[in-house]
Structures are given as structure tokens and as C-alpha cells.
Amino acid sequence: MLSAAMLREEVDVILDLIATSKIDEARQRMELLRPQVASDYGRGAMLALGGIVTSLTKSKGGELLDKEKTRRTTERIMTVQMLDDLDRGYFQTITKWMKRVKPQPQQQRQPESGSVPQA
């Protein structure tokens, strides 16, 4: 059985593997970790990791839809008092993932050189 600190560390490692597109390594690590997870929090985290991997490998563009909306939603859900440990593990893992892949602000388009802005 893993301690909470070891579980969080393993989740972080798996999230890093996923973020660097090492999906097969992440899956292998998850398979090795799964039998060691006994807590509801850990089960929730494993469900979230599995969902992230599935979403990335099955989605058309290889990314989760609307990252900013997903991040805001998970943060709001975490404030609900009635979450159990399974929910908490799931949502905290999704929130960690969303922070890792935080959407980059869009740059404003610069006018092409030589063109003069119209008034």
C-alpha cells in the first residue's frame, strides 16, 4: 500500500509523462501503480489518469476539450463540501493536469508590415 505522499509523487510523474507525450510509459506506470492503490483518494486519482489518457488518445486533436472551462469547473467542484475521498482524488488530479497544460494566451495579430491600420 502506498502512502499519500508516494501516491501524489507517482501521480505527478505520470502526469509529466502524459504531458511529454509518453503515453505508453504512463500506461505502464499506471498498471504497476494500480494494485498498490488502496485508498478511495488513490482510486479517484487513477480514474482521472485513465480518463486523461483515454481522452488524449481517442480525441481528434489529441487534447482535452476547452481546457480553461474544465479547469474552472474542477476548481469550483472542489469547493463543494460533500465530496468524498474518491471525488477529491479525481478532481485534484484533473486540476493538476489542467494546470500543467494551462492554455497559452492568444497573441494579438500584428498588422502585416507595410500595411497601415484603417481608421
PDB file of N, CA and C in Angstrom:
ATOM      1  N   MET A   1       0.835  -1.171   0.000  1.00  0.00           N
ATOM      2  CA  MET A   1       0.000   0.000   0.000  1.00  0.00           C
ATOM      3  C   MET A   1       0.890   1.248   0.000  1.00  0.00           C
ATOM      4  N   LEU A   2       0.532   2.214  -0.813  1.00  0.00           N
ATOM      5  CA  LEU A   2       1.298   3.450  -0.927  1.00  0.00           C
ATOM      6  C   LEU A   2       0.849   4.481   0.103  1.00  0.00           C
ATOM      7  N   SER A   3       1.803   5.261   0.577  1.00  0.00           N
ATOM      8  CA  SER A   3       1.433   6.391   1.435  1.00  0.00           C
ATOM      9  C   SER A   3       0.859   7.494   0.546  1.00  0.00           C
ATOM     10  N   ALA A   4       0.185   8.439   1.160  1.00  0.00           N
ATOM     11  CA  ALA A   4      -0.416   9.540   0.401  1.00  0.00           C
ATOM     12  C   ALA A   4       0.656  10.341  -0.337  1.00  0.00           C
ATOM     13  N   ALA A   5       1.787  10.567   0.301  1.00  0.00           N
ATOM     14  CA  ALA A   5       2.871  11.334  -0.326  1.00  0.00           C
ATOM     15  C   ALA A   5       3.439  10.586  -1.538  1.00  0.00           C
ATOM     16  N   MET A   6       3.628   9.277  -1.391  1.00  0.00           N
ATOM     17  CA  MET A   6       4.149   8.482  -2.511  1.00  0.00           C
ATOM     18  C   MET A   6       3.152   8.451  -3.664  1.00  0.00           C
ATOM     19  N   LEU A   7       1.872   8.365  -3.334  1.00  0.00           N
ATOM     20  CA  LEU A   7       0.841   8.362  -4.363  1.00  0.00           C
ATOM     21  C   LEU A   7       0.855   9.676  -5.141  1.00  0.00           C
ATOM     22  N   ARG A   8       0.911  10.797  -4.414  1.00  0.00           N
ATOM     23  CA  ARG A   8       0.946  12.107  -5.084  1.00  0.00           C
ATOM     24  C   ARG A   8       2.162  12.229  -5.985  1.00  0.00           C
ATOM     25  N   GLU A   9       3.293  11.721  -5.521  1.00  0.00           N
ATOM     26  CA  GLU A   9       4.524  11.767  -6.317  1.00  0.00           C
ATOM     27  C   GLU A   9       4.366  10.937  -7.595  1.00  0.00           C
ATOM     28  N   GLU A  10       3.810   9.745  -7.463  1.00  0.00           N
ATOM     29  CA  GLU A  10       3.594   8.893  -8.639  1.00  0.00           C
ATOM     30  C   GLU A  10       2.617   9.542  -9.632  1.00  0.00           C
ATOM     31  N   VAL A  11       1.554  10.148  -9.103  1.00  0.00           N
ATOM     32  CA  VAL A  11       0.590  10.837  -9.971  1.00  0.00           C
ATOM     33  C   VAL A  11       1.292  11.954 -10.728  1.00  0.00           C
ATOM     34  N   ASP A  12       2.148  12.716 -10.038  1.00  0.00           N
ATOM     35  CA  ASP A  12       2.886  13.794 -10.700  1.00  0.00           C
ATOM     36  C   ASP A  12       3.794  13.263 -11.805  1.00  0.00           C
ATOM     37  N   VAL A  13       4.467  12.150 -11.541  1.00  0.00           N
ATOM     38  CA  VAL A  13       5.345  11.546 -12.546  1.00  0.00           C
ATOM     39  C   VAL A  13       4.521  11.116 -13.768  1.00  0.00           C
ATOM     40  N   ILE A  14       3.386  10.485 -13.527  1.00  0.00           N
ATOM     41  CA  ILE A  14       2.533  10.032 -14.628  1.00  0.00           C
ATOM     42  C   ILE A  14       1.999  11.223 -15.416  1.00  0.00           C
ATOM     43  N   LEU A  15       1.595  12.276 -14.724  1.00  0.00           N
ATOM     44  CA  LEU A  15       1.125  13.477 -15.423  1.00  0.00           C
ATOM     45  C   LEU A  15       2.235  14.082 -16.279  1.00  0.00           C
ATOM     46  N   ASP A  16       3.467  14.071 -15.774  1.00  0.00           N
ATOM     47  CA  ASP A  16       4.597  14.570 -16.560  1.00  0.00           C
ATOM     48  C   ASP A  16       4.815  13.711 -17.808  1.00  0.00           C
ATOM     49  N   LEU A  17       4.707  12.406 -17.650  1.00  0.00           N
ATOM     50  CA  LEU A  17       4.856  11.516 -18.808  1.00  0.00           C
ATOM     51  C   LEU A  17       3.783  11.803 -19.860  1.00  0.00           C
ATOM     52  N   ILE A  18       2.561  12.004 -19.402  1.00  0.00           N
ATOM     53  CA  ILE A  18       1.466  12.294 -20.322  1.00  0.00           C
ATOM     54  C   ILE A  18       1.710  13.633 -21.014  1.00  0.00           C
ATOM     55  N   ALA A  19       2.137  14.635 -20.245  1.00  0.00           N
ATOM     56  CA  ALA A  19       2.371  15.971 -20.798  1.00  0.00           C
ATOM     57  C   ALA A  19       3.474  15.975 -21.842  1.00  0.00           C
ATOM     58  N   THR A  20       4.417  15.045 -21.723  1.00  0.00           N
ATOM     59  CA  THR A  20       5.507  14.962 -22.697  1.00  0.00           C
ATOM     60  C   THR A  20       5.233  13.901 -23.761  1.00  0.00           C
ATOM     61  N   SER A  21       3.974  13.518 -23.874  1.00  0.00           N
ATOM     62  CA  SER A  21       3.507  12.573 -24.907  1.00  0.00           C
ATOM     63  C   SER A  21       4.121  11.188 -24.795  1.00  0.00           C
ATOM     64  N   LYS A  22       4.468  10.786 -23.597  1.00  0.00           N
ATOM     65  CA  LYS A  22       4.980   9.436 -23.360  1.00  0.00           C
ATOM     66  C   LYS A  22       3.831   8.591 -22.800  1.00  0.00           C
ATOM     67  N   ILE A  23       2.807   8.436 -23.627  1.00  0.00           N
ATOM     68  CA  ILE A  23       1.568   7.790 -23.200  1.00  0.00           C
ATOM     69  C   ILE A  23       1.792   6.328 -22.827  1.00  0.00           C
ATOM     70  N   ASP A  24       2.582   5.607 -23.612  1.00  0.00           N
ATOM     71  CA  ASP A  24       2.811   4.193 -23.313  1.00  0.00           C
ATOM     72  C   ASP A  24       3.531   4.014 -21.975  1.00  0.00           C
ATOM     73  N   GLU A  25       4.517   4.873 -21.705  1.00  0.00           N
ATOM     74  CA  GLU A  25       5.209   4.802 -20.415  1.00  0.00           C
ATOM     75  C   GLU A  25       4.253   5.130 -19.269  1.00  0.00           C
ATOM     76  N   ALA A  26       3.382   6.115 -19.498  1.00  0.00           N
ATOM     77  CA  ALA A  26       2.402   6.480 -18.480  1.00  0.00           C
ATOM     78  C   ALA A  26       1.468   5.310 -18.200  1.00  0.00           C
ATOM     79  N   ARG A  27       1.014   4.640 -19.249  1.00  0.00           N
ATOM     80  CA  ARG A  27       0.131   3.474 -19.068  1.00  0.00           C
ATOM     81  C   ARG A  27       0.820   2.371 -18.278  1.00  0.00           C
ATOM     82  N   GLN A  28       2.075   2.104 -18.612  1.00  0.00           N
ATOM     83  CA  GLN A  28       2.819   1.064 -17.902  1.00  0.00           C
ATOM     84  C   GLN A  28       2.952   1.409 -16.422  1.00  0.00           C
ATOM     85  N   ARG A  29       3.270   2.651 -16.152  1.00  0.00           N
ATOM     86  CA  ARG A  29       3.428   3.082 -14.764  1.00  0.00           C
ATOM     87  C   ARG A  29       2.095   2.984 -14.019  1.00  0.00           C
ATOM     88  N   MET A  30       1.001   3.328 -14.701  1.00  0.00           N
ATOM     89  CA  MET A  30      -0.322   3.228 -14.085  1.00  0.00           C
ATOM     90  C   MET A  30      -0.655   1.775 -13.763  1.00  0.00           C
ATOM     91  N   GLU A  31      -0.324   0.871 -14.661  1.00  0.00           N
ATOM     92  CA  GLU A  31      -0.601  -0.548 -14.428  1.00  0.00           C
ATOM     93  C   GLU A  31       0.186  -1.084 -13.234  1.00  0.00           C
ATOM     94  N   LEU A  32       1.421  -0.622 -13.079  1.00  0.00           N
ATOM     95  CA  LEU A  32       2.220  -1.041 -11.927  1.00  0.00           C
ATOM     96  C   LEU A  32       1.701  -0.422 -10.632  1.00  0.00           C
ATOM     97  N   LEU A  33       1.158   0.785 -10.729  1.00  0.00           N
ATOM     98  CA  LEU A  33       0.680   1.502  -9.557  1.00  0.00           C
ATOM     99  C   LEU A  33      -0.685   1.006  -9.084  1.00  0.00           C
ATOM    100  N   ARG A  34      -1.534   0.639 -10.024  1.00  0.00           N
ATOM    101  CA  ARG A  34      -2.934   0.295  -9.709  1.00  0.00           C
ATOM    102  C   ARG A  34      -3.084  -0.718  -8.572  1.00  0.00           C
ATOM    103  N   PRO A  35      -2.347  -1.843  -8.543  1.00  0.00           N
ATOM    104  CA  PRO A  35      -2.549  -2.807  -7.449  1.00  0.00           C
ATOM    105  C   PRO A  35      -2.110  -2.287  -6.076  1.00  0.00           C
ATOM    106  N   GLN A  36      -1.287  -1.240  -6.056  1.00  0.00           N
ATOM    107  CA  GLN A  36      -0.788  -0.707  -4.796  1.00  0.00           C
ATOM    108  C   GLN A  36      -1.716   0.349  -4.199  1.00  0.00           C
ATOM    109  N   VAL A  37      -2.708   0.768  -4.963  1.00  0.00           N
ATOM    110  CA  VAL A  37      -3.616   1.827  -4.514  1.00  0.00           C
ATOM    111  C   VAL A  37      -4.773   1.195  -3.750  1.00  0.00           C
ATOM    112  N   ALA A  38      -4.903   1.578  -2.483  1.00  0.00           N
ATOM    113  CA  ALA A  38      -5.965   1.015  -1.650  1.00  0.00           C
ATOM    114  C   ALA A  38      -6.970   2.067  -1.187  1.00  0.00           C
ATOM    115  N   SER A  39      -6.578   3.329  -1.222  1.00  0.00           N
ATOM    116  CA  SER A  39      -7.461   4.378  -0.699  1.00  0.00           C
ATOM    117  C   SER A  39      -8.448   4.847  -1.764  1.00  0.00           C
ATOM    118  N   ASP A  40      -9.552   5.390  -1.303  1.00  0.00           N
ATOM    119  CA  ASP A  40     -10.531   5.964  -2.231  1.00  0.00           C
ATOM    120  C   ASP A  40      -9.927   7.147  -2.981  1.00  0.00           C
ATOM    121  N   TYR A  41      -9.138   7.957  -2.279  1.00  0.00           N
ATOM    122  CA  TYR A  41      -8.476   9.087  -2.934  1.00  0.00           C
ATOM    123  C   TYR A  41      -7.611   8.583  -4.095  1.00  0.00           C
ATOM    124  N   GLY A  42      -6.825   7.537  -3.838  1.00  0.00           N
ATOM    125  CA  GLY A  42      -5.961   6.966  -4.876  1.00  0.00           C
ATOM    126  C   GLY A  42      -6.755   6.392  -6.032  1.00  0.00           C
ATOM    127  N   ARG A  43      -7.865   5.741  -5.729  1.00  0.00           N
ATOM    128  CA  ARG A  43      -8.724   5.208  -6.802  1.00  0.00           C
ATOM    129  C   ARG A  43      -9.270   6.345  -7.665  1.00  0.00           C
ATOM    130  N   GLY A  44      -9.649   7.437  -7.022  1.00  0.00           N
ATOM    131  CA  GLY A  44     -10.121   8.598  -7.778  1.00  0.00           C
ATOM    132  C   GLY A  44      -9.038   9.165  -8.674  1.00  0.00           C
ATOM    133  N   ALA A  45      -7.814   9.245  -8.146  1.00  0.00           N
ATOM    134  CA  ALA A  45      -6.687   9.739  -8.936  1.00  0.00           C
ATOM    135  C   ALA A  45      -6.418   8.828 -10.129  1.00  0.00           C
ATOM    136  N   MET A  46      -6.499   7.517  -9.906  1.00  0.00           N
ATOM    137  CA  MET A  46      -6.273   6.564 -11.001  1.00  0.00           C
ATOM    138  C   MET A  46      -7.364   6.677 -12.068  1.00  0.00           C
ATOM    139  N   LEU A  47      -8.591   6.889 -11.635  1.00  0.00           N
ATOM    140  CA  LEU A  47      -9.680   7.091 -12.601  1.00  0.00           C
ATOM    141  C   LEU A  47      -9.427   8.337 -13.447  1.00  0.00           C
ATOM    142  N   ALA A  48      -8.976   9.399 -12.802  1.00  0.00           N
ATOM    143  CA  ALA A  48      -8.689  10.639 -13.527  1.00  0.00           C
ATOM    144  C   ALA A  48      -7.554  10.429 -14.528  1.00  0.00           C
ATOM    145  N   LEU A  49      -6.492   9.755 -14.103  1.00  0.00           N
ATOM    146  CA  LEU A  49      -5.368   9.495 -15.010  1.00  0.00           C
ATOM    147  C   LEU A  49      -5.818   8.670 -16.207  1.00  0.00           C
ATOM    148  N   GLY A  50      -6.624   7.644 -15.942  1.00  0.00           N
ATOM    149  CA  GLY A  50      -7.146   6.832 -17.042  1.00  0.00           C
ATOM    150  C   GLY A  50      -8.001   7.644 -17.986  1.00  0.00           C
ATOM    151  N   GLY A  51      -8.810   8.540 -17.438  1.00  0.00           N
ATOM    152  CA  GLY A  51      -9.646   9.397 -18.273  1.00  0.00           C
ATOM    153  C   GLY A  51      -8.830  10.350 -19.122  1.00  0.00           C
ATOM    154  N   ILE A  52      -7.768  10.898 -18.552  1.00  0.00           N
ATOM    155  CA  ILE A  52      -6.900  11.807 -19.299  1.00  0.00           C
ATOM    156  C   ILE A  52      -6.252  11.064 -20.461  1.00  0.00           C
ATOM    157  N   VAL A  53      -5.693   9.887 -20.182  1.00  0.00           N
ATOM    158  CA  VAL A  53      -5.040   9.098 -21.234  1.00  0.00           C
ATOM    159  C   VAL A  53      -6.044   8.737 -22.327  1.00  0.00           C
ATOM    160  N   THR A  54      -7.227   8.285 -21.932  1.00  0.00           N
ATOM    161  CA  THR A  54      -8.248   7.922 -22.914  1.00  0.00           C
ATOM    162  C   THR A  54      -8.648   9.127 -23.754  1.00  0.00           C
ATOM    163  N   SER A  55      -8.850  10.265 -23.114  1.00  0.00           N
ATOM    164  CA  SER A  55      -9.248  11.469 -23.836  1.00  0.00           C
ATOM    165  C   SER A  55      -8.186  11.884 -24.842  1.00  0.00           C
ATOM    166  N   LEU A  56      -6.938  11.802 -24.434  1.00  0.00           N
ATOM    167  CA  LEU A  56      -5.861  12.228 -25.322  1.00  0.00           C
ATOM    168  C   LEU A  56      -5.643  11.266 -26.481  1.00  0.00           C
ATOM    169  N   THR A  57      -5.838   9.986 -26.242  1.00  0.00           N
ATOM    170  CA  THR A  57      -5.582   9.018 -27.305  1.00  0.00           C
ATOM    171  C   THR A  57      -6.777   8.843 -28.227  1.00  0.00           C
ATOM    172  N   LYS A  58      -7.961   9.155 -27.760  1.00  0.00           N
ATOM    173  CA  LYS A  58      -9.159   8.969 -28.566  1.00  0.00           C
ATOM    174  C   LYS A  58      -9.668  10.251 -29.207  1.00  0.00           C
ATOM    175  N   SER A  59      -9.302  11.406 -28.632  1.00  0.00           N
ATOM    176  CA  SER A  59      -9.841  12.664 -29.158  1.00  0.00           C
ATOM    177  C   SER A  59      -9.176  13.010 -30.475  1.00  0.00           C
ATOM    178  N   LYS A  60      -9.875  13.765 -31.263  1.00  0.00           N
ATOM    179  CA  LYS A  60      -9.434  14.096 -32.612  1.00  0.00           C
ATOM    180  C   LYS A  60      -8.122  14.864 -32.637  1.00  0.00           C
ATOM    181  N   GLY A  61      -8.009  15.882 -31.802  1.00  0.00           N
ATOM    182  CA  GLY A  61      -6.814  16.716 -31.815  1.00  0.00           C
ATOM    183  C   GLY A  61      -5.757  16.304 -30.817  1.00  0.00           C
ATOM    184  N   GLY A  62      -5.989  15.235 -30.085  1.00  0.00           N
ATOM    185  CA  GLY A  62      -5.018  14.785 -29.104  1.00  0.00           C
ATOM    186  C   GLY A  62      -4.977  15.652 -27.859  1.00  0.00           C
ATOM    187  N   GLU A  63      -6.069  16.322 -27.542  1.00  0.00           N
ATOM    188  CA  GLU A  63      -6.107  17.143 -26.331  1.00  0.00           C
ATOM    189  C   GLU A  63      -7.510  17.180 -25.784  1.00  0.00           C
ATOM    190  N   LEU A  64      -7.598  17.532 -24.513  1.00  0.00           N
ATOM    191  CA  LEU A  64      -8.908  17.651 -23.889  1.00  0.00           C
ATOM    192  C   LEU A  64      -9.607  18.886 -24.427  1.00  0.00           C
ATOM    193  N   LEU A  65     -10.904  18.830 -24.482  1.00  0.00           N
ATOM    194  CA  LEU A  65     -11.664  19.961 -24.992  1.00  0.00           C
ATOM    195  C   LEU A  65     -11.722  21.081 -23.971  1.00  0.00           C
ATOM    196  N   ASP A  66     -11.668  22.287 -24.429  1.00  0.00           N
ATOM    197  CA  ASP A  66     -11.835  23.501 -23.632  1.00  0.00           C
ATOM    198  C   ASP A  66     -11.147  23.419 -22.278  1.00  0.00           C
ATOM    199  N   LYS A  67      -9.839  23.516 -22.298  1.00  0.00           N
ATOM    200  CA  LYS A  67      -9.031  23.365 -21.092  1.00  0.00           C
ATOM    201  C   LYS A  67      -9.402  24.363 -20.000  1.00  0.00           C
ATOM    202  N   GLU A  68      -9.603  25.603 -20.376  1.00  0.00           N
ATOM    203  CA  GLU A  68      -9.889  26.627 -19.371  1.00  0.00           C
ATOM    204  C   GLU A  68     -11.220  26.361 -18.674  1.00  0.00           C
ATOM    205  N   LYS A  69     -12.222  25.970 -19.428  1.00  0.00           N
ATOM    206  CA  LYS A  69     -13.536  25.668 -18.841  1.00  0.00           C
ATOM    207  C   LYS A  69     -13.436  24.459 -17.902  1.00  0.00           C
ATOM    208  N   THR A  70     -12.691  23.446 -18.312  1.00  0.00           N
ATOM    209  CA  THR A  70     -12.510  22.257 -17.476  1.00  0.00           C
ATOM    210  C   THR A  70     -11.795  22.624 -16.184  1.00  0.00           C
ATOM    211  N   ARG A  71     -10.765  23.457 -16.270  1.00  0.00           N
ATOM    212  CA  ARG A  71     -10.023  23.873 -15.077  1.00  0.00           C
ATOM    213  C   ARG A  71     -10.926  24.634 -14.110  1.00  0.00           C
ATOM    214  N   ARG A  72     -11.694  25.586 -14.619  1.00  0.00           N
ATOM    215  CA  ARG A  72     -12.589  26.362 -13.752  1.00  0.00           C
ATOM    216  C   ARG A  72     -13.637  25.460 -13.097  1.00  0.00           C
ATOM    217  N   THR A  73     -14.162  24.524 -13.859  1.00  0.00           N
ATOM    218  CA  THR A  73     -15.180  23.623 -13.330  1.00  0.00           C
ATOM    219  C   THR A  73     -14.622  22.762 -12.207  1.00  0.00           C
ATOM    220  N   THR A  74     -13.439  22.205 -12.401  1.00  0.00           N
ATOM    221  CA  THR A  74     -12.863  21.354 -11.357  1.00  0.00           C
ATOM    222  C   THR A  74     -12.553  22.158 -10.108  1.00  0.00           C
ATOM    223  N   GLU A  75     -12.112  23.388 -10.269  1.00  0.00           N
ATOM    224  CA  GLU A  75     -11.834  24.218  -9.098  1.00  0.00           C
ATOM    225  C   GLU A  75     -13.113  24.531  -8.327  1.00  0.00           C
ATOM    226  N   ARG A  76     -14.208  24.781  -9.053  1.00  0.00           N
ATOM    227  CA  ARG A  76     -15.483  25.046  -8.382  1.00  0.00           C
ATOM    228  C   ARG A  76     -15.999  23.810  -7.668  1.00  0.00           C
ATOM    229  N   ILE A  77     -15.870  22.667  -8.302  1.00  0.00           N
ATOM    230  CA  ILE A  77     -16.359  21.425  -7.701  1.00  0.00           C
ATOM    231  C   ILE A  77     -15.605  21.123  -6.415  1.00  0.00           C
ATOM    232  N   MET A  78     -14.318  21.455  -6.371  1.00  0.00           N
ATOM    233  CA  MET A  78     -13.513  21.191  -5.175  1.00  0.00           C
ATOM    234  C   MET A  78     -14.010  21.971  -3.963  1.00  0.00           C
ATOM    235  N   THR A  79     -14.778  23.035  -4.174  1.00  0.00           N
ATOM    236  CA  THR A  79     -15.277  23.817  -3.042  1.00  0.00           C
ATOM    237  C   THR A  79     -16.539  23.219  -2.433  1.00  0.00           C
ATOM    238  N   VAL A  80     -17.117  22.232  -3.092  1.00  0.00           N
ATOM    239  CA  VAL A  80     -18.319  21.576  -2.574  1.00  0.00           C
ATOM    240  C   VAL A  80     -17.946  20.778  -1.327  1.00  0.00           C
ATOM    241  N   GLN A  81     -18.720  20.914  -0.279  1.00  0.00           N
ATOM    242  CA  GLN A  81     -18.406  20.273   0.993  1.00  0.00           C
ATOM    243  C   GLN A  81     -18.700  18.777   1.006  1.00  0.00           C
ATOM    244  N   MET A  82     -19.528  18.302   0.097  1.00  0.00           N
ATOM    245  CA  MET A  82     -19.991  16.917   0.174  1.00  0.00           C
ATOM    246  C   MET A  82     -19.146  15.947  -0.647  1.00  0.00           C
ATOM    247  N   LEU A  83     -17.967  16.339  -1.080  1.00  0.00           N
ATOM    248  CA  LEU A  83     -17.126  15.433  -1.846  1.00  0.00           C
ATOM    249  C   LEU A  83     -16.576  14.334  -0.941  1.00  0.00           C
ATOM    250  N   ASP A  84     -16.529  13.116  -1.458  1.00  0.00           N
ATOM    251  CA  ASP A  84     -15.864  12.069  -0.700  1.00  0.00           C
ATOM    252  C   ASP A  84     -14.421  11.959  -1.198  1.00  0.00           C
ATOM    253  N   ASP A  85     -13.650  11.055  -0.637  1.00  0.00           N
ATOM    254  CA  ASP A  85     -12.235  10.938  -0.998  1.00  0.00           C
ATOM    255  C   ASP A  85     -12.036  10.538  -2.454  1.00  0.00           C
ATOM    256  N   LEU A  86     -12.907   9.707  -2.992  1.00  0.00           N
ATOM    257  CA  LEU A  86     -12.806   9.308  -4.385  1.00  0.00           C
ATOM    258  C   LEU A  86     -12.952  10.531  -5.289  1.00  0.00           C
ATOM    259  N   ASP A  87     -13.983  11.339  -5.037  1.00  0.00           N
ATOM    260  CA  ASP A  87     -14.191  12.566  -5.813  1.00  0.00           C
ATOM    261  C   ASP A  87     -12.997  13.502  -5.674  1.00  0.00           C
ATOM    262  N   ARG A  88     -12.521  13.654  -4.465  1.00  0.00           N
ATOM    263  CA  ARG A  88     -11.413  14.572  -4.202  1.00  0.00           C
ATOM    264  C   ARG A  88     -10.164  14.127  -4.971  1.00  0.00           C
ATOM    265  N   GLY A  89      -9.855  12.846  -4.957  1.00  0.00           N
ATOM    266  CA  GLY A  89      -8.704  12.334  -5.702  1.00  0.00           C
ATOM    267  C   GLY A  89      -8.845  12.561  -7.190  1.00  0.00           C
ATOM    268  N   TYR A  90     -10.062  12.343  -7.676  1.00  0.00           N
ATOM    269  CA  TYR A  90     -10.329  12.538  -9.108  1.00  0.00           C
ATOM    270  C   TYR A  90     -10.152  14.007  -9.496  1.00  0.00           C
ATOM    271  N   PHE A  91     -10.830  14.883  -8.785  1.00  0.00           N
ATOM    272  CA  PHE A  91     -10.815  16.292  -9.165  1.00  0.00           C
ATOM    273  C   PHE A  91      -9.470  16.958  -8.922  1.00  0.00           C
ATOM    274  N   GLN A  92      -8.770  16.565  -7.875  1.00  0.00           N
ATOM    275  CA  GLN A  92      -7.450  17.149  -7.659  1.00  0.00           C
ATOM    276  C   GLN A  92      -6.476  16.734  -8.754  1.00  0.00           C
ATOM    277  N   THR A  93      -6.592  15.502  -9.223  1.00  0.00           N
ATOM    278  CA  THR A  93      -5.720  15.039 -10.300  1.00  0.00           C
ATOM    279  C   THR A  93      -6.046  15.763 -11.598  1.00  0.00           C
ATOM    280  N   ILE A  94      -7.319  15.926 -11.904  1.00  0.00           N
ATOM    281  CA  ILE A  94      -7.704  16.668 -13.114  1.00  0.00           C
ATOM    282  C   ILE A  94      -7.224  18.114 -13.018  1.00  0.00           C
ATOM    283  N   THR A  95      -7.353  18.716 -11.850  1.00  0.00           N
ATOM    284  CA  THR A  95      -6.904  20.096 -11.672  1.00  0.00           C
ATOM    285  C   THR A  95      -5.396  20.211 -11.879  1.00  0.00           C
ATOM    286  N   LYS A  96      -4.630  19.257 -11.358  1.00  0.00           N
ATOM    287  CA  LYS A  96      -3.178  19.247 -11.582  1.00  0.00           C
ATOM    288  C   LYS A  96      -2.870  19.183 -13.071  1.00  0.00           C
ATOM    289  N   TRP A  97      -3.597  18.330 -13.767  1.00  0.00           N
ATOM    290  CA  TRP A  97      -3.376  18.177 -15.204  1.00  0.00           C
ATOM    291  C   TRP A  97      -3.686  19.479 -15.938  1.00  0.00           C
ATOM    292  N   MET A  98      -4.795  20.083 -15.593  1.00  0.00           N
ATOM    293  CA  MET A  98      -5.201  21.304 -16.281  1.00  0.00           C
ATOM    294  C   MET A  98      -4.208  22.434 -16.022  1.00  0.00           C
ATOM    295  N   LYS A  99      -3.616  22.469 -14.855  1.00  0.00           N
ATOM    296  CA  LYS A  99      -2.608  23.493 -14.571  1.00  0.00           C
ATOM    297  C   LYS A  99      -1.339  23.238 -15.377  1.00  0.00           C
ATOM    298  N   ARG A 100      -1.020  21.969 -15.607  1.00  0.00           N
ATOM    299  CA  ARG A 100       0.169  21.638 -16.406  1.00  0.00           C
ATOM    300  C   ARG A 100       0.005  22.057 -17.861  1.00  0.00           C
ATOM    301  N   VAL A 101      -1.189  21.906 -18.362  1.00  0.00           N
ATOM    302  CA  VAL A 101      -1.426  22.217 -19.776  1.00  0.00           C
ATOM    303  C   VAL A 101      -2.234  23.496 -19.911  1.00  0.00           C
ATOM    304  N   LYS A 102      -1.984  24.419 -18.994  1.00  0.00           N
ATOM    305  CA  LYS A 102      -2.707  25.682 -18.962  1.00  0.00           C
ATOM    306  C   LYS A 102      -2.694  26.315 -20.353  1.00  0.00           C
ATOM    307  N   PRO A 103      -3.858  26.741 -20.832  1.00  0.00           N
ATOM    308  CA  PRO A 103      -3.904  27.334 -22.165  1.00  0.00           C
ATOM    309  C   PRO A 103      -3.034  28.585 -22.243  1.00  0.00           C
ATOM    310  N   GLN A 104      -2.326  28.694 -23.339  1.00  0.00           N
ATOM    311  CA  GLN A 104      -1.488  29.857 -23.562  1.00  0.00           C
ATOM    312  C   GLN A 104      -2.352  31.012 -24.042  1.00  0.00           C
ATOM    313  N   PRO A 105      -2.104  32.226 -23.530  1.00  0.00           N
ATOM    314  CA  PRO A 105      -2.888  33.359 -24.012  1.00  0.00           C
ATOM    315  C   PRO A 105      -2.629  33.571 -25.494  1.00  0.00           C
ATOM    316  N   GLN A 106      -3.686  33.880 -26.194  1.00  0.00           N
ATOM    317  CA  GLN A 106      -3.545  34.093 -27.628  1.00  0.00           C
ATOM    318  C   GLN A 106      -2.892  35.438 -27.867  1.00  0.00           C
ATOM    319  N   GLN A 107      -1.945  35.445 -28.794  1.00  0.00           N
ATOM    320  CA  GLN A 107      -1.270  36.685 -29.127  1.00  0.00           C
ATOM    321  C   GLN A 107      -2.125  37.467 -30.096  1.00  0.00           C
ATOM    322  N   GLN A 108      -2.090  38.794 -29.927  1.00  0.00           N
ATOM    323  CA  GLN A 108      -2.829  39.618 -30.856  1.00  0.00           C
ATOM    324  C   GLN A 108      -2.104  39.601 -32.181  1.00  0.00           C
ATOM    325  N   ARG A 109      -2.879  39.604 -33.243  1.00  0.00           N
ATOM    326  CA  ARG A 109      -2.290  39.603 -34.571  1.00  0.00           C
ATOM    327  C   ARG A 109      -1.697  40.969 -34.852  1.00  0.00           C
ATOM    328  N   GLN A 110      -0.492  40.984 -35.318  1.00  0.00           N
ATOM    329  CA  GLN A 110       0.191  42.208 -35.701  1.00  0.00           C
ATOM    330  C   GLN A 110      -0.141  42.518 -37.145  1.00  0.00           C
ATOM    331  N   PRO A 111      -0.364  43.791 -37.478  1.00  0.00           N
ATOM    332  CA  PRO A 111      -0.617  44.114 -38.881  1.00  0.00           C
ATOM    333  C   PRO A 111       0.608  43.738 -39.711  1.00  0.00           C
ATOM    334  N   GLU A 112       0.349  43.319 -40.939  1.00  0.00           N
ATOM    335  CA  GLU A 112       1.445  42.950 -41.816  1.00  0.00           C
ATOM    336  C   GLU A 112       2.313  44.168 -42.044  1.00  0.00           C
ATOM    337  N   SER A 113       3.596  43.925 -42.203  1.00  0.00           N
ATOM    338  CA  SER A 113       4.498  45.052 -42.402  1.00  0.00           C
ATOM    339  C   SER A 113       4.137  45.802 -43.681  1.00  0.00           C
ATOM    340  N   GLY A 114       4.180  47.094 -43.594  1.00  0.00           N
ATOM    341  CA  GLY A 114       3.847  47.925 -44.753  1.00  0.00           C
ATOM    342  C   GLY A 114       2.389  48.301 -44.820  1.00  0.00           C
ATOM    343  N   SER A 115       1.526  47.641 -44.047  1.00  0.00           N
ATOM    344  CA  SER A 115       0.116  47.997 -44.103  1.00  0.00           C
ATOM    345  C   SER A 115      -0.185  49.047 -43.038  1.00  0.00           C
ATOM    346  N   VAL A 116      -1.074  49.922 -43.339  1.00  0.00           N
ATOM    347  CA  VAL A 116      -1.431  50.986 -42.436  1.00  0.00           C
ATOM    348  C   VAL A 116      -2.819  50.682 -41.888  1.00  0.00           C
ATOM    349  N   PRO A 117      -3.003  50.737 -40.549  1.00  0.00           N
ATOM    350  CA  PRO A 117      -4.323  50.453 -39.990  1.00  0.00           C
ATOM    351  C   PRO A 117      -5.337  51.474 -40.493  1.00  0.00           C
ATOM    352  N   GLN A 118      -6.522  50.966 -40.799  1.00  0.00           N
ATOM    353  CA  GLN A 118      -7.607  51.832 -41.264  1.00  0.00           C
ATOM    354  C   GLN A 118      -8.312  52.442 -40.071  1.00  0.00           C
ATOM    355  N   ALA A 119      -8.700  53.716 -40.170  1.00  0.00           N
ATOM    356  CA  ALA A 119      -9.418  54.377 -39.086  1.00  0.00           C
ATOM    357  C   ALA A 119     -10.903  54.302 -39.302  1.00  0.00           C
TER     358      ALA A 119
END
